[in-house]
Every structure is written in structure tokens, then in C-alpha cells.
Amino acid sequence: MTDSDPDDQPDSIVKSMAQRPDGVRGPRAERTVARILDATREVFLTRGYSGTTIDEIARVAEVSRASFYTYFPSKRDVLVAVGAQSATESLAVIARLVGTGATRASLTEWVADYFDFLDIHGSFSLAWSQAALEDDAIRSAGMKGHLGICRKLGTTLAATAGKRSEDPAVLGLVASSLLERSWNYSELYADTVERSVVVAQAALALWGAVRQPSPSAEGHR
């Protein structure tokens, strides 16, 4: 069985998680799945989605290829599983912005928290955006959920300034893109650029973005 097997089709995207609900797995299986997901994030970060193979994930996870297929029928399935974890964690980080972010200092602390989240889950964002360009099924499966998270982020960010965004999904999309790329480059240029400075600049950009007149209001001036 290879990464391009005929049965690696769009309708298999969510089968692995549905076939083995968390409550059915024993402790040993849970540990194996956790290793596979951790390894997938690690390989995605260095190789991207296209460059990642099941053999490489299995090697890094220290499991056999057969063990991988016990839990995930395809590379698509493990991408979706990693994405499900990322979505849950991202919503938790966004929830921590509620009641904070009303000052520059607290918003900066939250951005640092978001960078910590990206240390674990940032590789998924990079891999998914690449996969979505190559596979319409992956894009369709993930776009609605992604925009929902963006809408939550945009709504919450605007609320920190005592406002309501006219288009919270777009505001959140821009904010998350800024954070993800800033985090990515701070990692890439770690020998030259201080992470804390990048965090502070990203927070300043978000602070200003939600306190400026909306683009539509500017257009009517």
C-alpha cells in the first residue's frame, strides 16, 4: 500500500477517527496514536504535506507502517486528525482572549500564548494550506471549519476594543495569517530575530487593526 493508493479517496478523509472512537482504544493504542500525531506534526514542519510520506511518519513515530494503517487509512486521514486537535486547541487559545486584550500588555501576553500554541500546531497550518491547494476535497473539508475559527477570532478581537466587526471572518483570517507567518519567520530567522520582539510587533499590529475605522467606513470618507 502506498501514499497514492486507489482507496486514498475523498470519502476516506474522516474514516480513521470515526472507526476508532477515543473511548474504544486502550491505553497502549492511545499512546501509539499520540506518537503518530506528534510525528506527523514534526514531519509536516520540515517537509510540508507533499513531501511527507507515511514511511517517514512511521519512522519518526517509531511504529511500523502496518501500525500506522491500523489507525489511519491514509495521509489525508492523519492530516484531518492533526487538524482536529489543532482546531480544538486554537479555540481554547481564542477563548483565553475573552476578558483580556483590552490593554497592549495583555494582548502581547496573549500573542505570546498563541505563538506557544503554534510551536505545537503551526506545522498543521502550513501543511493544510499546501494540501488544500493540491486537493479540492481537503480544501472543501477544512475550509468551513477554518473560517468558523477565523470568525470566532475576529469577533473576539473586535470585542477587546469594545467593537463589533462588520466581517469577523475576514478580520480573523487576516489576524491568524499575520500570527502564523510572523511565528514561522521568527522560527526561521531565530538566529537573527528575537521572538519577543516579533510577538510585540504582531500584538501592536492587531491592537491597531481593531481600533482603526473599518475599511468600509474609510471608503465612504
N, C-alpha and C. Protein backbone atom coordinates (compact mmCIF):
# COMPACT_ATOMS: atom_id res chain seq x y z
N MET A 1 0.85 -1.20 0.00
CA MET A 1 0.00 0.00 0.00
C MET A 1 0.88 1.24 0.00
N THR A 2 0.59 2.23 -0.82
CA THR A 2 1.40 3.43 -0.93
C THR A 2 0.55 4.65 -0.65
N ASP A 3 1.22 5.84 -0.56
CA ASP A 3 0.50 7.07 -0.28
C ASP A 3 -0.49 7.41 -1.36
N SER A 4 -0.33 6.87 -2.56
CA SER A 4 -1.23 7.19 -3.67
C SER A 4 -2.15 6.02 -4.01
N ASP A 5 -2.44 5.17 -3.03
CA ASP A 5 -3.29 4.01 -3.26
C ASP A 5 -4.67 4.43 -3.76
N PRO A 6 -5.34 3.59 -4.57
CA PRO A 6 -6.67 3.92 -5.07
C PRO A 6 -7.68 4.17 -3.97
N ASP A 7 -7.51 3.51 -2.82
CA ASP A 7 -8.50 3.70 -1.76
C ASP A 7 -8.26 4.95 -0.94
N ASP A 8 -7.23 5.72 -1.30
CA ASP A 8 -6.97 7.00 -0.63
C ASP A 8 -7.83 8.06 -1.33
N GLN A 9 -9.13 7.99 -1.15
CA GLN A 9 -10.09 8.82 -1.86
C GLN A 9 -10.74 9.80 -0.90
N PRO A 10 -11.40 10.86 -1.44
CA PRO A 10 -12.00 11.87 -0.58
C PRO A 10 -12.95 11.33 0.47
N ASP A 11 -13.69 10.26 0.16
CA ASP A 11 -14.67 9.78 1.13
C ASP A 11 -14.01 9.06 2.30
N SER A 12 -12.67 8.93 2.27
CA SER A 12 -11.99 8.29 3.39
C SER A 12 -11.40 9.30 4.36
N ILE A 13 -11.64 10.58 4.11
CA ILE A 13 -10.95 11.63 4.85
C ILE A 13 -11.15 11.52 6.36
N VAL A 14 -12.37 11.23 6.82
CA VAL A 14 -12.61 11.21 8.25
C VAL A 14 -12.83 9.81 8.81
N LYS A 15 -12.57 8.77 8.01
CA LYS A 15 -12.89 7.41 8.45
C LYS A 15 -12.09 6.98 9.67
N SER A 16 -10.82 7.34 9.75
CA SER A 16 -9.98 6.80 10.81
C SER A 16 -10.48 7.19 12.18
N MET A 17 -10.89 8.44 12.37
CA MET A 17 -11.36 8.86 13.67
C MET A 17 -12.74 8.27 13.97
N ALA A 18 -13.56 8.10 12.94
CA ALA A 18 -14.89 7.53 13.14
C ALA A 18 -14.82 6.05 13.46
N GLN A 19 -13.83 5.36 12.88
CA GLN A 19 -13.74 3.91 13.07
C GLN A 19 -13.33 3.54 14.49
N ARG A 20 -12.49 4.37 15.10
CA ARG A 20 -11.96 4.04 16.41
C ARG A 20 -12.14 5.20 17.35
N PRO A 21 -13.34 5.40 17.88
CA PRO A 21 -13.55 6.50 18.83
C PRO A 21 -12.61 6.37 20.01
N ASP A 22 -12.28 7.52 20.61
CA ASP A 22 -11.33 7.52 21.71
C ASP A 22 -11.73 6.55 22.83
N GLY A 23 -13.01 6.40 23.08
CA GLY A 23 -13.44 5.54 24.16
C GLY A 23 -13.18 4.08 23.91
N VAL A 24 -12.95 3.68 22.66
CA VAL A 24 -12.75 2.27 22.32
C VAL A 24 -11.28 1.88 22.47
N ARG A 25 -10.39 2.81 22.27
CA ARG A 25 -8.97 2.49 22.32
C ARG A 25 -8.50 2.26 23.75
N GLY A 26 -7.57 1.32 23.88
CA GLY A 26 -6.94 1.11 25.16
C GLY A 26 -5.78 2.06 25.34
N PRO A 27 -5.16 2.08 26.53
CA PRO A 27 -4.05 2.99 26.81
C PRO A 27 -2.88 2.84 25.84
N ARG A 28 -2.56 1.60 25.48
CA ARG A 28 -1.44 1.38 24.57
C ARG A 28 -1.74 1.96 23.19
N ALA A 29 -2.97 1.76 22.71
CA ALA A 29 -3.36 2.31 21.42
C ALA A 29 -3.35 3.84 21.46
N GLU A 30 -3.82 4.41 22.56
CA GLU A 30 -3.82 5.86 22.69
C GLU A 30 -2.40 6.42 22.61
N ARG A 31 -1.46 5.73 23.26
CA ARG A 31 -0.07 6.18 23.21
C ARG A 31 0.48 6.09 21.79
N THR A 32 0.12 5.03 21.08
CA THR A 32 0.58 4.88 19.70
C THR A 32 0.02 5.98 18.81
N VAL A 33 -1.27 6.25 18.94
CA VAL A 33 -1.89 7.32 18.15
C VAL A 33 -1.24 8.66 18.47
N ALA A 34 -0.99 8.92 19.74
CA ALA A 34 -0.37 10.19 20.14
C ALA A 34 1.02 10.32 19.50
N ARG A 35 1.78 9.22 19.47
CA ARG A 35 3.11 9.26 18.84
C ARG A 35 3.00 9.53 17.35
N ILE A 36 2.01 8.92 16.71
CA ILE A 36 1.83 9.13 15.27
C ILE A 36 1.46 10.59 15.00
N LEU A 37 0.58 11.16 15.80
CA LEU A 37 0.17 12.55 15.58
C LEU A 37 1.33 13.51 15.85
N ASP A 38 2.09 13.25 16.90
CA ASP A 38 3.26 14.09 17.18
C ASP A 38 4.27 14.01 16.04
N ALA A 39 4.49 12.79 15.55
CA ALA A 39 5.44 12.61 14.46
C ALA A 39 4.95 13.30 13.19
N THR A 40 3.66 13.23 12.94
CA THR A 40 3.10 13.88 11.75
C THR A 40 3.34 15.37 11.79
N ARG A 41 3.09 16.00 12.95
CA ARG A 41 3.35 17.44 13.07
C ARG A 41 4.82 17.75 12.83
N GLU A 42 5.69 16.91 13.37
CA GLU A 42 7.13 17.14 13.21
C GLU A 42 7.55 17.04 11.74
N VAL A 43 7.06 16.03 11.05
CA VAL A 43 7.44 15.85 9.64
C VAL A 43 6.81 16.91 8.76
N PHE A 44 5.56 17.28 9.04
CA PHE A 44 4.92 18.35 8.27
C PHE A 44 5.73 19.64 8.35
N LEU A 45 6.30 19.92 9.51
CA LEU A 45 7.02 21.18 9.70
C LEU A 45 8.26 21.25 8.82
N THR A 46 8.93 20.13 8.64
CA THR A 46 10.17 20.13 7.87
C THR A 46 9.97 19.78 6.39
N ARG A 47 8.93 19.00 6.08
CA ARG A 47 8.76 18.51 4.72
C ARG A 47 7.50 19.02 4.02
N GLY A 48 6.59 19.65 4.76
CA GLY A 48 5.33 20.05 4.15
C GLY A 48 4.46 18.83 3.88
N TYR A 49 3.25 19.09 3.39
CA TYR A 49 2.33 17.98 3.15
C TYR A 49 2.80 17.10 1.99
N SER A 50 3.17 17.72 0.89
CA SER A 50 3.56 16.94 -0.30
C SER A 50 4.79 16.10 -0.05
N GLY A 51 5.73 16.64 0.71
CA GLY A 51 6.99 15.93 0.95
C GLY A 51 6.91 14.88 2.05
N THR A 52 5.80 14.84 2.75
CA THR A 52 5.64 13.88 3.85
C THR A 52 5.14 12.54 3.32
N THR A 53 5.78 11.48 3.77
CA THR A 53 5.34 10.13 3.41
C THR A 53 4.94 9.38 4.67
N ILE A 54 4.13 8.38 4.51
CA ILE A 54 3.73 7.56 5.63
C ILE A 54 4.94 6.83 6.22
N ASP A 55 5.86 6.42 5.37
CA ASP A 55 7.08 5.77 5.86
C ASP A 55 7.84 6.69 6.81
N GLU A 56 7.93 7.98 6.46
CA GLU A 56 8.67 8.93 7.29
C GLU A 56 7.94 9.17 8.61
N ILE A 57 6.62 9.29 8.56
CA ILE A 57 5.85 9.45 9.80
C ILE A 57 6.06 8.24 10.70
N ALA A 58 5.97 7.05 10.13
CA ALA A 58 6.14 5.82 10.92
C ALA A 58 7.54 5.75 11.52
N ARG A 59 8.53 6.17 10.75
CA ARG A 59 9.92 6.13 11.25
C ARG A 59 10.08 7.06 12.45
N VAL A 60 9.60 8.29 12.32
CA VAL A 60 9.74 9.27 13.41
C VAL A 60 8.92 8.84 14.62
N ALA A 61 7.74 8.25 14.38
CA ALA A 61 6.89 7.78 15.48
C ALA A 61 7.39 6.48 16.10
N GLU A 62 8.35 5.83 15.43
CA GLU A 62 8.89 4.55 15.87
C GLU A 62 7.80 3.49 15.94
N VAL A 63 6.99 3.45 14.87
CA VAL A 63 5.98 2.41 14.73
C VAL A 63 6.15 1.80 13.34
N SER A 64 5.55 0.64 13.14
CA SER A 64 5.61 0.03 11.83
C SER A 64 4.61 0.69 10.89
N ARG A 65 4.82 0.49 9.61
CA ARG A 65 3.87 1.00 8.62
C ARG A 65 2.49 0.37 8.85
N ALA A 66 2.47 -0.91 9.22
CA ALA A 66 1.20 -1.59 9.50
C ALA A 66 0.49 -0.95 10.69
N SER A 67 1.27 -0.53 11.70
CA SER A 67 0.65 0.13 12.86
C SER A 67 0.02 1.45 12.47
N PHE A 68 0.69 2.18 11.58
CA PHE A 68 0.10 3.44 11.10
C PHE A 68 -1.26 3.17 10.48
N TYR A 69 -1.32 2.18 9.59
CA TYR A 69 -2.56 1.89 8.88
C TYR A 69 -3.64 1.30 9.79
N THR A 70 -3.25 0.82 10.95
CA THR A 70 -4.25 0.35 11.90
C THR A 70 -5.16 1.49 12.34
N TYR A 71 -4.60 2.69 12.42
CA TYR A 71 -5.36 3.84 12.94
C TYR A 71 -5.71 4.87 11.87
N PHE A 72 -4.92 4.94 10.80
CA PHE A 72 -5.14 5.96 9.78
C PHE A 72 -5.01 5.33 8.39
N PRO A 73 -6.10 5.24 7.65
CA PRO A 73 -6.06 4.59 6.33
C PRO A 73 -5.21 5.33 5.30
N SER A 74 -4.94 6.62 5.53
CA SER A 74 -4.20 7.37 4.51
C SER A 74 -3.54 8.59 5.15
N LYS A 75 -2.72 9.25 4.36
CA LYS A 75 -2.10 10.50 4.81
C LYS A 75 -3.16 11.58 5.01
N ARG A 76 -4.20 11.56 4.19
CA ARG A 76 -5.30 12.51 4.37
C ARG A 76 -5.90 12.38 5.77
N ASP A 77 -6.12 11.14 6.19
CA ASP A 77 -6.77 10.90 7.48
C ASP A 77 -5.95 11.44 8.64
N VAL A 78 -4.66 11.24 8.59
CA VAL A 78 -3.84 11.72 9.70
C VAL A 78 -3.76 13.25 9.66
N LEU A 79 -3.80 13.84 8.47
CA LEU A 79 -3.88 15.30 8.36
C LEU A 79 -5.13 15.82 9.05
N VAL A 80 -6.27 15.17 8.79
CA VAL A 80 -7.53 15.59 9.40
C VAL A 80 -7.48 15.41 10.92
N ALA A 81 -6.88 14.33 11.39
CA ALA A 81 -6.79 14.10 12.84
C ALA A 81 -5.93 15.17 13.50
N VAL A 82 -4.81 15.50 12.88
CA VAL A 82 -3.96 16.57 13.41
C VAL A 82 -4.72 17.89 13.39
N GLY A 83 -5.49 18.10 12.32
CA GLY A 83 -6.28 19.32 12.21
C GLY A 83 -7.35 19.42 13.28
N ALA A 84 -7.96 18.29 13.63
CA ALA A 84 -8.98 18.30 14.67
C ALA A 84 -8.39 18.73 16.01
N GLN A 85 -7.21 18.24 16.32
CA GLN A 85 -6.54 18.66 17.55
C GLN A 85 -6.19 20.14 17.50
N SER A 86 -5.69 20.59 16.35
CA SER A 86 -5.33 21.99 16.19
C SER A 86 -6.53 22.90 16.37
N ALA A 87 -7.67 22.52 15.80
CA ALA A 87 -8.88 23.33 15.91
C ALA A 87 -9.33 23.44 17.36
N THR A 88 -9.32 22.33 18.09
CA THR A 88 -9.73 22.35 19.49
C THR A 88 -8.83 23.26 20.31
N GLU A 89 -7.52 23.14 20.09
CA GLU A 89 -6.57 23.95 20.85
C GLU A 89 -6.64 25.43 20.47
N SER A 90 -6.86 25.71 19.19
CA SER A 90 -6.94 27.11 18.76
C SER A 90 -8.14 27.80 19.38
N LEU A 91 -9.27 27.11 19.46
CA LEU A 91 -10.46 27.68 20.10
C LEU A 91 -10.21 27.94 21.58
N ALA A 92 -9.44 27.06 22.21
CA ALA A 92 -9.11 27.27 23.62
C ALA A 92 -8.24 28.52 23.80
N VAL A 93 -7.29 28.73 22.89
CA VAL A 93 -6.44 29.92 22.96
C VAL A 93 -7.28 31.17 22.72
N ILE A 94 -8.15 31.12 21.73
CA ILE A 94 -9.02 32.27 21.44
C ILE A 94 -9.90 32.58 22.64
N ALA A 95 -10.40 31.55 23.32
CA ALA A 95 -11.25 31.75 24.49
C ALA A 95 -10.50 32.50 25.59
N ARG A 96 -9.19 32.30 25.67
CA ARG A 96 -8.41 32.99 26.70
C ARG A 96 -8.25 34.47 26.39
N LEU A 97 -8.57 34.88 25.17
CA LEU A 97 -8.52 36.30 24.82
C LEU A 97 -9.73 37.04 25.37
N VAL A 98 -10.82 36.32 25.64
CA VAL A 98 -12.03 36.94 26.20
C VAL A 98 -11.70 37.48 27.59
N GLY A 99 -12.00 38.74 27.81
CA GLY A 99 -11.71 39.34 29.11
C GLY A 99 -10.29 39.86 29.22
N THR A 100 -9.45 39.58 28.21
CA THR A 100 -8.10 40.13 28.17
C THR A 100 -7.96 40.88 26.86
N GLY A 101 -6.79 41.33 26.55
CA GLY A 101 -6.58 42.01 25.28
C GLY A 101 -7.05 43.45 25.27
N ALA A 102 -7.57 43.92 26.40
CA ALA A 102 -8.06 45.30 26.46
C ALA A 102 -6.91 46.28 26.67
N THR A 103 -5.73 45.78 27.00
CA THR A 103 -4.55 46.61 27.11
C THR A 103 -3.47 46.05 26.20
N ARG A 104 -2.53 46.90 25.82
CA ARG A 104 -1.44 46.43 24.95
C ARG A 104 -0.68 45.30 25.63
N ALA A 105 -0.45 45.43 26.93
CA ALA A 105 0.34 44.43 27.64
C ALA A 105 -0.37 43.08 27.64
N SER A 106 -1.67 43.08 27.91
CA SER A 106 -2.39 41.81 27.96
C SER A 106 -2.53 41.19 26.57
N LEU A 107 -2.68 42.02 25.55
CA LEU A 107 -2.75 41.50 24.19
C LEU A 107 -1.41 40.89 23.78
N THR A 108 -0.32 41.53 24.19
CA THR A 108 1.01 41.00 23.90
C THR A 108 1.21 39.65 24.58
N GLU A 109 0.73 39.52 25.81
CA GLU A 109 0.82 38.23 26.51
C GLU A 109 0.02 37.17 25.77
N TRP A 110 -1.13 37.57 25.24
CA TRP A 110 -1.95 36.60 24.51
C TRP A 110 -1.26 36.18 23.21
N VAL A 111 -0.64 37.11 22.51
CA VAL A 111 0.08 36.76 21.28
C VAL A 111 1.21 35.79 21.60
N ALA A 112 1.90 36.01 22.71
CA ALA A 112 2.95 35.07 23.12
C ALA A 112 2.36 33.69 23.37
N ASP A 113 1.17 33.66 23.96
CA ASP A 113 0.45 32.40 24.20
C ASP A 113 0.11 31.74 22.86
N TYR A 114 -0.31 32.54 21.89
CA TYR A 114 -0.65 32.00 20.57
C TYR A 114 0.59 31.44 19.88
N PHE A 115 1.72 32.10 20.04
CA PHE A 115 2.97 31.58 19.48
C PHE A 115 3.31 30.23 20.11
N ASP A 116 3.06 30.10 21.43
CA ASP A 116 3.31 28.80 22.08
C ASP A 116 2.40 27.72 21.48
N PHE A 117 1.16 28.08 21.20
CA PHE A 117 0.24 27.16 20.53
C PHE A 117 0.80 26.76 19.16
N LEU A 118 1.33 27.73 18.42
CA LEU A 118 1.86 27.45 17.09
C LEU A 118 3.13 26.60 17.14
N ASP A 119 3.86 26.67 18.25
CA ASP A 119 5.03 25.79 18.39
C ASP A 119 4.64 24.33 18.22
N ILE A 120 3.42 24.01 18.62
CA ILE A 120 2.93 22.63 18.51
C ILE A 120 2.12 22.43 17.24
N HIS A 121 1.24 23.38 16.92
CA HIS A 121 0.26 23.17 15.86
C HIS A 121 0.51 23.99 14.59
N GLY A 122 1.55 24.81 14.60
CA GLY A 122 1.80 25.63 13.41
C GLY A 122 2.10 24.82 12.17
N SER A 123 2.70 23.65 12.36
CA SER A 123 3.03 22.83 11.20
C SER A 123 1.77 22.38 10.47
N PHE A 124 0.67 22.19 11.20
CA PHE A 124 -0.57 21.80 10.54
C PHE A 124 -1.06 22.91 9.62
N SER A 125 -1.02 24.15 10.09
CA SER A 125 -1.48 25.28 9.26
C SER A 125 -0.71 25.34 7.96
N LEU A 126 0.60 25.15 8.04
CA LEU A 126 1.43 25.18 6.84
C LEU A 126 1.10 24.00 5.93
N ALA A 127 0.95 22.82 6.52
CA ALA A 127 0.67 21.62 5.71
C ALA A 127 -0.71 21.69 5.09
N TRP A 128 -1.71 22.14 5.86
CA TRP A 128 -3.07 22.17 5.34
C TRP A 128 -3.20 23.16 4.19
N SER A 129 -2.57 24.33 4.30
CA SER A 129 -2.68 25.32 3.21
C SER A 129 -2.05 24.77 1.93
N GLN A 130 -0.98 24.01 2.08
CA GLN A 130 -0.36 23.39 0.91
C GLN A 130 -1.24 22.30 0.34
N ALA A 131 -1.77 21.45 1.22
CA ALA A 131 -2.62 20.35 0.77
C ALA A 131 -3.89 20.87 0.10
N ALA A 132 -4.45 21.95 0.65
CA ALA A 132 -5.69 22.50 0.10
C ALA A 132 -5.52 23.03 -1.31
N LEU A 133 -4.33 23.49 -1.64
CA LEU A 133 -4.06 23.96 -3.00
C LEU A 133 -4.00 22.80 -3.99
N GLU A 134 -3.66 21.62 -3.49
CA GLU A 134 -3.46 20.47 -4.36
C GLU A 134 -4.67 19.53 -4.41
N ASP A 135 -5.56 19.65 -3.42
CA ASP A 135 -6.63 18.66 -3.26
C ASP A 135 -7.92 19.38 -2.89
N ASP A 136 -8.85 19.44 -3.83
CA ASP A 136 -10.12 20.13 -3.59
C ASP A 136 -10.91 19.50 -2.45
N ALA A 137 -10.80 18.18 -2.29
CA ALA A 137 -11.52 17.51 -1.22
C ALA A 137 -11.04 17.98 0.15
N ILE A 138 -9.73 18.11 0.30
CA ILE A 138 -9.17 18.59 1.57
C ILE A 138 -9.60 20.04 1.80
N ARG A 139 -9.54 20.86 0.77
CA ARG A 139 -9.93 22.27 0.91
C ARG A 139 -11.39 22.38 1.32
N SER A 140 -12.25 21.63 0.65
CA SER A 140 -13.68 21.68 0.97
C SER A 140 -13.96 21.18 2.38
N ALA A 141 -13.25 20.12 2.78
CA ALA A 141 -13.48 19.54 4.10
C ALA A 141 -13.06 20.48 5.22
N GLY A 142 -12.00 21.25 4.98
CA GLY A 142 -11.46 22.07 6.06
C GLY A 142 -11.84 23.53 6.04
N MET A 143 -12.29 24.04 4.90
CA MET A 143 -12.49 25.49 4.76
C MET A 143 -13.58 26.01 5.70
N LYS A 144 -14.69 25.31 5.80
CA LYS A 144 -15.80 25.78 6.63
C LYS A 144 -15.37 25.89 8.09
N GLY A 145 -14.71 24.84 8.57
CA GLY A 145 -14.24 24.85 9.95
C GLY A 145 -13.21 25.94 10.19
N HIS A 146 -12.29 26.11 9.23
CA HIS A 146 -11.26 27.13 9.37
C HIS A 146 -11.87 28.52 9.44
N LEU A 147 -12.83 28.80 8.56
CA LEU A 147 -13.46 30.12 8.56
C LEU A 147 -14.29 30.33 9.83
N GLY A 148 -14.83 29.25 10.38
CA GLY A 148 -15.54 29.36 11.65
C GLY A 148 -14.61 29.79 12.77
N ILE A 149 -13.41 29.21 12.79
CA ILE A 149 -12.41 29.61 13.79
C ILE A 149 -11.99 31.05 13.56
N CYS A 150 -11.80 31.43 12.30
CA CYS A 150 -11.44 32.81 11.99
C CYS A 150 -12.53 33.78 12.45
N ARG A 151 -13.78 33.40 12.25
CA ARG A 151 -14.90 34.25 12.67
C ARG A 151 -14.88 34.44 14.19
N LYS A 152 -14.60 33.37 14.92
CA LYS A 152 -14.52 33.47 16.37
C LYS A 152 -13.37 34.38 16.79
N LEU A 153 -12.24 34.25 16.14
CA LEU A 153 -11.09 35.10 16.46
C LEU A 153 -11.39 36.55 16.15
N GLY A 154 -11.99 36.81 14.97
CA GLY A 154 -12.31 38.18 14.60
C GLY A 154 -13.31 38.82 15.55
N THR A 155 -14.33 38.06 15.93
CA THR A 155 -15.34 38.57 16.87
C THR A 155 -14.71 38.90 18.22
N THR A 156 -13.84 38.00 18.68
CA THR A 156 -13.22 38.19 19.99
C THR A 156 -12.24 39.35 19.98
N LEU A 157 -11.45 39.46 18.92
CA LEU A 157 -10.51 40.57 18.81
C LEU A 157 -11.23 41.91 18.81
N ALA A 158 -12.29 42.01 18.02
CA ALA A 158 -13.05 43.25 17.96
C ALA A 158 -13.64 43.59 19.33
N ALA A 159 -14.08 42.58 20.05
CA ALA A 159 -14.68 42.80 21.37
C ALA A 159 -13.66 43.36 22.36
N THR A 160 -12.38 43.04 22.20
CA THR A 160 -11.37 43.59 23.11
C THR A 160 -11.25 45.10 22.97
N ALA A 161 -11.69 45.62 21.82
CA ALA A 161 -11.69 47.07 21.61
C ALA A 161 -13.08 47.66 21.81
N GLY A 162 -14.01 46.85 22.32
CA GLY A 162 -15.37 47.31 22.52
C GLY A 162 -16.13 47.53 21.24
N LYS A 163 -15.80 46.75 20.20
CA LYS A 163 -16.42 46.91 18.90
C LYS A 163 -17.04 45.62 18.42
N ARG A 164 -17.83 45.73 17.36
CA ARG A 164 -18.31 44.57 16.61
C ARG A 164 -17.77 44.68 15.19
N SER A 165 -17.13 43.63 14.73
CA SER A 165 -16.58 43.64 13.38
C SER A 165 -17.69 43.45 12.35
N GLU A 166 -17.60 44.20 11.24
CA GLU A 166 -18.57 44.03 10.16
C GLU A 166 -18.37 42.70 9.45
N ASP A 167 -17.15 42.20 9.44
CA ASP A 167 -16.85 40.91 8.79
C ASP A 167 -15.82 40.18 9.64
N PRO A 168 -16.26 39.57 10.74
CA PRO A 168 -15.31 38.95 11.67
C PRO A 168 -14.50 37.81 11.06
N ALA A 169 -15.07 37.10 10.08
CA ALA A 169 -14.31 36.00 9.46
C ALA A 169 -13.09 36.54 8.73
N VAL A 170 -13.26 37.65 8.03
CA VAL A 170 -12.13 38.24 7.31
C VAL A 170 -11.12 38.82 8.30
N LEU A 171 -11.61 39.51 9.32
CA LEU A 171 -10.70 40.05 10.34
C LEU A 171 -9.90 38.92 10.98
N GLY A 172 -10.57 37.82 11.34
CA GLY A 172 -9.87 36.69 11.94
C GLY A 172 -8.91 36.02 10.98
N LEU A 173 -9.29 35.95 9.70
CA LEU A 173 -8.41 35.36 8.70
C LEU A 173 -7.12 36.16 8.57
N VAL A 174 -7.25 37.48 8.53
CA VAL A 174 -6.07 38.33 8.43
C VAL A 174 -5.23 38.23 9.70
N ALA A 175 -5.90 38.23 10.86
CA ALA A 175 -5.17 38.15 12.13
C ALA A 175 -4.43 36.82 12.26
N SER A 176 -5.10 35.71 11.95
CA SER A 176 -4.45 34.41 12.08
C SER A 176 -3.30 34.27 11.07
N SER A 177 -3.49 34.83 9.88
CA SER A 177 -2.42 34.78 8.87
C SER A 177 -1.21 35.56 9.35
N LEU A 178 -1.46 36.74 9.93
CA LEU A 178 -0.36 37.55 10.46
C LEU A 178 0.39 36.79 11.55
N LEU A 179 -0.36 36.17 12.45
CA LEU A 179 0.26 35.45 13.55
C LEU A 179 1.04 34.24 13.07
N GLU A 180 0.46 33.49 12.14
CA GLU A 180 1.12 32.27 11.66
C GLU A 180 2.40 32.59 10.89
N ARG A 181 2.34 33.59 10.01
CA ARG A 181 3.54 33.92 9.25
C ARG A 181 4.60 34.57 10.13
N SER A 182 4.17 35.40 11.07
CA SER A 182 5.13 36.01 11.99
C SER A 182 5.82 34.94 12.82
N TRP A 183 5.04 33.98 13.31
CA TRP A 183 5.64 32.87 14.06
C TRP A 183 6.60 32.08 13.18
N ASN A 184 6.18 31.79 11.95
CA ASN A 184 7.00 30.99 11.05
C ASN A 184 8.35 31.66 10.79
N TYR A 185 8.32 32.95 10.51
CA TYR A 185 9.57 33.65 10.23
C TYR A 185 10.41 33.83 11.49
N SER A 186 9.76 33.97 12.64
CA SER A 186 10.55 34.09 13.88
C SER A 186 11.31 32.80 14.15
N GLU A 187 10.74 31.66 13.75
CA GLU A 187 11.43 30.39 13.86
C GLU A 187 12.54 30.27 12.82
N LEU A 188 12.23 30.67 11.61
CA LEU A 188 13.18 30.55 10.52
C LEU A 188 14.40 31.45 10.73
N TYR A 189 14.16 32.64 11.29
CA TYR A 189 15.22 33.61 11.49
C TYR A 189 15.62 33.72 12.96
N ALA A 190 15.50 32.63 13.69
CA ALA A 190 15.72 32.65 15.14
C ALA A 190 17.11 33.14 15.53
N ASP A 191 18.10 32.93 14.67
CA ASP A 191 19.46 33.36 14.99
C ASP A 191 19.63 34.87 14.83
N THR A 192 18.69 35.51 14.17
CA THR A 192 18.82 36.94 13.87
C THR A 192 17.73 37.78 14.52
N VAL A 193 16.53 37.22 14.64
CA VAL A 193 15.37 37.98 15.12
C VAL A 193 14.93 37.43 16.47
N GLU A 194 14.71 38.32 17.43
CA GLU A 194 14.25 37.91 18.74
C GLU A 194 12.74 37.65 18.72
N ARG A 195 12.36 36.50 19.21
CA ARG A 195 10.95 36.12 19.21
C ARG A 195 10.10 37.14 19.97
N SER A 196 10.58 37.61 21.11
CA SER A 196 9.80 38.55 21.92
C SER A 196 9.52 39.84 21.16
N VAL A 197 10.45 40.25 20.32
CA VAL A 197 10.25 41.47 19.53
C VAL A 197 9.19 41.23 18.46
N VAL A 198 9.24 40.05 17.83
CA VAL A 198 8.22 39.70 16.83
C VAL A 198 6.85 39.65 17.49
N VAL A 199 6.77 39.05 18.67
CA VAL A 199 5.50 38.98 19.41
C VAL A 199 4.96 40.38 19.68
N ALA A 200 5.83 41.27 20.14
CA ALA A 200 5.40 42.63 20.45
C ALA A 200 4.91 43.37 19.21
N GLN A 201 5.59 43.19 18.09
CA GLN A 201 5.18 43.86 16.85
C GLN A 201 3.87 43.29 16.32
N ALA A 202 3.70 41.98 16.43
CA ALA A 202 2.45 41.36 16.00
C ALA A 202 1.28 41.85 16.85
N ALA A 203 1.51 41.96 18.15
CA ALA A 203 0.47 42.46 19.05
C ALA A 203 0.12 43.91 18.71
N LEU A 204 1.13 44.72 18.40
CA LEU A 204 0.89 46.12 18.03
C LEU A 204 0.06 46.21 16.76
N ALA A 205 0.34 45.33 15.80
CA ALA A 205 -0.43 45.32 14.55
C ALA A 205 -1.89 44.97 14.81
N LEU A 206 -2.13 43.97 15.65
CA LEU A 206 -3.51 43.59 15.98
C LEU A 206 -4.20 44.69 16.78
N TRP A 207 -3.47 45.29 17.70
CA TRP A 207 -4.03 46.38 18.51
C TRP A 207 -4.53 47.51 17.61
N GLY A 208 -3.71 47.90 16.66
CA GLY A 208 -4.10 48.97 15.76
C GLY A 208 -5.22 48.57 14.81
N ALA A 209 -5.19 47.31 14.36
CA ALA A 209 -6.17 46.85 13.37
C ALA A 209 -7.59 46.93 13.89
N VAL A 210 -7.79 46.59 15.16
CA VAL A 210 -9.16 46.56 15.69
C VAL A 210 -9.59 47.90 16.27
N ARG A 211 -8.68 48.88 16.25
CA ARG A 211 -9.02 50.20 16.78
C ARG A 211 -9.06 51.27 15.70
N GLN A 212 -8.83 50.88 14.47
CA GLN A 212 -8.95 51.79 13.35
C GLN A 212 -10.36 51.73 12.77
N PRO A 213 -10.78 52.78 12.05
CA PRO A 213 -12.08 52.70 11.36
C PRO A 213 -12.11 51.51 10.41
N SER A 214 -13.28 50.92 10.24
CA SER A 214 -13.40 49.77 9.36
C SER A 214 -13.10 50.17 7.92
N PRO A 215 -12.65 49.23 7.07
CA PRO A 215 -12.37 49.55 5.68
C PRO A 215 -13.58 50.16 4.97
N SER A 216 -14.78 49.68 5.29
CA SER A 216 -15.98 50.23 4.61
C SER A 216 -16.22 51.66 5.03
N ALA A 217 -15.96 51.98 6.31
CA ALA A 217 -16.12 53.34 6.76
C ALA A 217 -15.11 54.26 6.09
N GLU A 218 -13.89 53.78 5.95
CA GLU A 218 -12.86 54.56 5.26
C GLU A 218 -13.26 54.84 3.82
N GLY A 219 -13.89 53.86 3.18
CA GLY A 219 -14.26 54.01 1.79
C GLY A 219 -15.33 55.05 1.56
N HIS A 220 -16.09 55.40 2.60
CA HIS A 220 -17.16 56.37 2.45
C HIS A 220 -16.72 57.79 2.79
N ARG A 221 -15.47 57.96 3.16
CA ARG A 221 -14.99 59.29 3.50
C ARG A 221 -14.72 60.11 2.24
